[in-house]
Protein backbone atom coordinates (compact mmCIF):
# COMPACT_ATOMS: atom_id res chain seq x y z
CA MET A 1 72.11 120.61 102.34
CA GLY A 2 68.31 120.51 102.23
CA VAL A 3 66.00 119.17 104.89
CA ILE A 4 67.12 115.66 105.70
CA THR A 5 64.49 113.23 106.91
CA ARG A 6 66.31 111.71 109.82
CA GLY A 7 66.00 107.95 110.14
CA GLU A 8 64.37 107.53 106.71
CA PRO A 9 66.22 105.90 103.77
CA GLU A 10 65.59 108.98 101.57
CA GLY A 11 67.24 111.10 104.23
CA PHE A 12 70.31 108.88 104.13
CA VAL A 13 70.60 109.28 100.36
CA GLU A 14 70.52 113.07 100.75
CA PHE A 15 73.02 112.89 103.61
CA ALA A 16 75.40 110.65 101.66
CA SER A 17 75.20 112.93 98.61
CA ALA A 18 75.91 116.03 100.67
CA GLU A 19 78.70 114.57 102.83
CA SER A 20 80.63 112.41 100.35
CA ARG A 21 82.94 115.25 99.26
CA PRO A 22 83.88 116.42 102.78
CA LEU A 23 84.42 112.80 103.82
CA PHE A 24 86.61 112.16 100.78
CA ARG A 25 88.64 115.30 101.52
CA THR A 26 89.32 114.06 105.05
CA ALA A 27 90.17 110.57 103.80
CA TRP A 28 92.54 111.97 101.17
CA LEU A 29 94.34 114.10 103.75
CA LEU A 30 94.68 111.08 106.02
CA THR A 31 95.87 108.60 103.39
CA ALA A 32 97.20 110.50 100.34
CA ASP A 33 95.82 107.56 98.34
CA TRP A 34 92.82 107.94 96.02
CA GLN A 35 91.57 104.35 96.18
CA LEU A 36 92.08 104.00 99.90
CA SER A 37 90.24 107.30 100.37
CA GLU A 38 87.30 106.01 98.34
CA ASP A 39 87.32 102.81 100.39
CA LEU A 40 87.29 104.80 103.63
CA VAL A 41 84.34 106.89 102.45
CA GLN A 42 82.42 103.77 101.41
CA GLU A 43 83.11 102.04 104.71
CA THR A 44 82.06 105.16 106.61
CA LEU A 45 78.85 105.57 104.63
CA GLY A 46 78.12 101.87 105.17
CA ARG A 47 78.46 102.29 108.91
CA MET A 48 76.37 105.45 108.81
CA TYR A 49 73.65 103.57 106.88
CA VAL A 50 73.52 100.90 109.57
CA ALA A 51 73.24 103.61 112.26
CA TRP A 52 70.80 105.72 110.24
CA PRO A 53 67.55 104.47 111.87
CA LYS A 54 68.89 105.80 115.21
CA ILE A 55 70.36 109.01 113.74
CA ASP A 56 67.87 111.26 115.58
CA ARG A 57 69.94 110.62 118.73
CA ILE A 58 72.95 112.30 117.11
CA ASP A 59 73.05 116.10 117.18
CA ASN A 60 75.31 116.56 114.16
CA PRO A 61 75.39 113.59 111.74
CA ALA A 62 78.06 115.25 109.55
CA ALA A 63 80.46 115.60 112.49
CA TYR A 64 79.65 112.06 113.55
CA ALA A 65 80.52 110.84 110.03
CA GLN A 66 83.88 112.64 110.25
CA THR A 67 84.55 110.87 113.54
CA VAL A 68 83.58 107.53 112.00
CA ILE A 69 85.97 108.04 109.06
CA VAL A 70 88.87 108.74 111.42
CA ARG A 71 88.05 105.65 113.47
CA VAL A 72 87.78 103.50 110.33
CA PHE A 73 91.15 104.85 109.17
CA LEU A 74 92.81 104.06 112.49
CA SER A 75 91.31 100.57 112.71
CA GLN A 76 92.34 99.74 109.13
CA ARG A 77 95.87 100.92 109.85
CA ARG A 78 96.02 98.66 112.89
CA ARG A 79 95.06 95.60 110.88
CA ARG A 80 98.36 95.11 109.06
CA MET A 81 96.75 93.13 106.27
CA SER A 82 98.91 92.26 103.30
CA ARG A 83 98.09 94.69 100.51
CA GLU A 84 99.68 96.29 97.57
CA ARG A 85 102.74 98.24 98.57
CA PRO A 86 103.16 101.77 97.26
CA ALA A 87 106.15 102.60 95.11
CA ALA A 88 109.13 104.22 96.77
CA GLU A 89 108.84 107.29 94.57
CA LEU A 90 105.80 109.19 93.41
CA PRO A 91 105.32 109.57 89.67
CA ASP A 92 106.10 112.92 88.09
CA THR A 93 103.28 115.41 88.52
CA SER A 94 102.41 118.30 86.29
CA SER A 95 103.29 121.74 87.60
CA ARG A 96 100.12 123.48 86.41
CA ASP A 97 99.56 125.41 89.56
CA SER A 98 101.89 126.31 92.41
CA ASP A 99 99.01 125.86 94.89
CA HIS A 100 98.59 122.32 93.60
CA ASP A 101 102.31 121.69 94.12
CA LEU A 102 102.11 123.03 97.66
CA GLU A 103 99.06 120.92 98.37
CA MET A 104 100.79 117.82 97.06
CA MET A 105 103.87 118.63 99.13
CA LEU A 106 101.67 118.91 102.22
CA VAL A 107 99.85 115.64 101.49
CA THR A 108 103.16 113.87 100.88
CA ALA A 109 104.63 115.30 104.08
CA LEU A 110 101.54 114.26 106.05
CA ALA A 111 101.87 110.74 104.67
CA LYS A 112 105.38 110.54 106.14
CA LEU A 113 104.15 111.28 109.67
CA PRO A 114 103.00 108.63 112.13
CA LYS A 115 99.26 107.96 111.78
CA ARG A 116 98.32 109.51 115.14
CA ASP A 117 100.17 112.74 114.29
CA ARG A 118 98.48 112.81 110.90
CA VAL A 119 95.02 112.33 112.42
CA VAL A 120 95.52 115.10 114.98
CA LEU A 121 96.83 117.58 112.39
CA VAL A 122 94.10 116.83 109.87
CA LEU A 123 91.32 117.12 112.43
CA ARG A 124 92.73 120.16 114.22
CA TYR A 125 94.00 122.30 111.36
CA LEU A 126 92.64 121.04 108.06
CA GLU A 127 89.15 120.19 109.35
CA ASP A 128 89.33 123.26 111.62
CA ARG A 129 88.11 121.54 114.77
CA SER A 130 88.75 122.87 118.25
CA VAL A 131 91.15 121.12 120.61
CA GLU A 132 88.17 120.03 122.69
CA GLN A 133 86.41 118.52 119.65
CA VAL A 134 89.52 116.59 118.64
CA ALA A 135 90.02 115.42 122.22
CA ALA A 136 86.44 114.17 122.37
CA ASP A 137 86.71 112.45 118.98
CA LEU A 138 89.90 110.64 119.96
CA HIS A 139 88.90 110.01 123.60
CA ARG A 140 91.89 111.92 124.97
CA SER A 141 92.39 114.96 127.14
CA ALA A 142 92.63 118.44 125.64
CA GLY A 143 96.14 118.79 127.11
CA ALA A 144 97.27 115.59 125.41
CA ILE A 145 95.91 116.86 122.09
CA ARG A 146 97.69 120.23 122.48
CA THR A 147 100.96 118.43 123.22
CA GLN A 148 100.53 116.04 120.31
CA CYS A 149 99.63 118.91 117.96
CA SER A 150 102.76 120.79 118.98
CA ARG A 151 104.99 117.76 118.47
CA ALA A 152 103.26 116.76 115.24
CA LEU A 153 103.68 120.28 113.83
CA ALA A 154 107.39 120.15 114.67
CA ARG A 155 107.69 116.80 112.84
CA LEU A 156 105.71 118.16 109.89
CA ARG A 157 107.98 121.23 109.68
CA ALA A 158 111.03 118.96 109.67
CA VAL A 159 109.58 116.80 106.90
CA LEU A 160 108.52 119.84 104.88
CA SER A 161 111.92 121.48 105.16
CA THR A 162 113.59 118.24 104.00
CA ASP A 163 111.13 117.94 101.10
CA ALA A 164 111.67 121.58 100.15
CA LEU A 165 115.44 121.05 100.09
CA ASP A 166 114.96 117.98 97.87
CA LEU A 167 112.89 120.06 95.44
CA MET A 168 115.58 122.72 95.20
CA GLN A 169 118.31 120.26 94.20
CA PRO A 170 118.59 119.66 90.44
């Protein structure tokens, strides 16, 4: 990312261009839904635009944007609005690459976890944040995050082992 003019509209355009992909990656890992991920990124960038004139008060705007996307995700999940309901089964996917299959299995397994478990795992392991960073982002203690990570990993392992068994059956 080049030199971003903090607080200036041109700086926001550069910031949005540079951070859209990492934000989308986080949104995809949280939702496993392309359109919902795009909506989360747009909502996050909209909130960042509103806050942009005061951005010089924020040490790391990219990290702040990641925090905003998680908060937007959690607040949208709380809203229980009537929306389209996903199908019970995913459509067949091509098996071009075994890494792709593993990634899809992980995304599918994450989608089966409770939202708080999903958020903690995505932030801690897939976004590679420290326990302290995750605790600060979620306004919880580091001990609570460690406990939740441990429990969430156990749930994820259980889901993954069930999914793997399903794949092995003809």
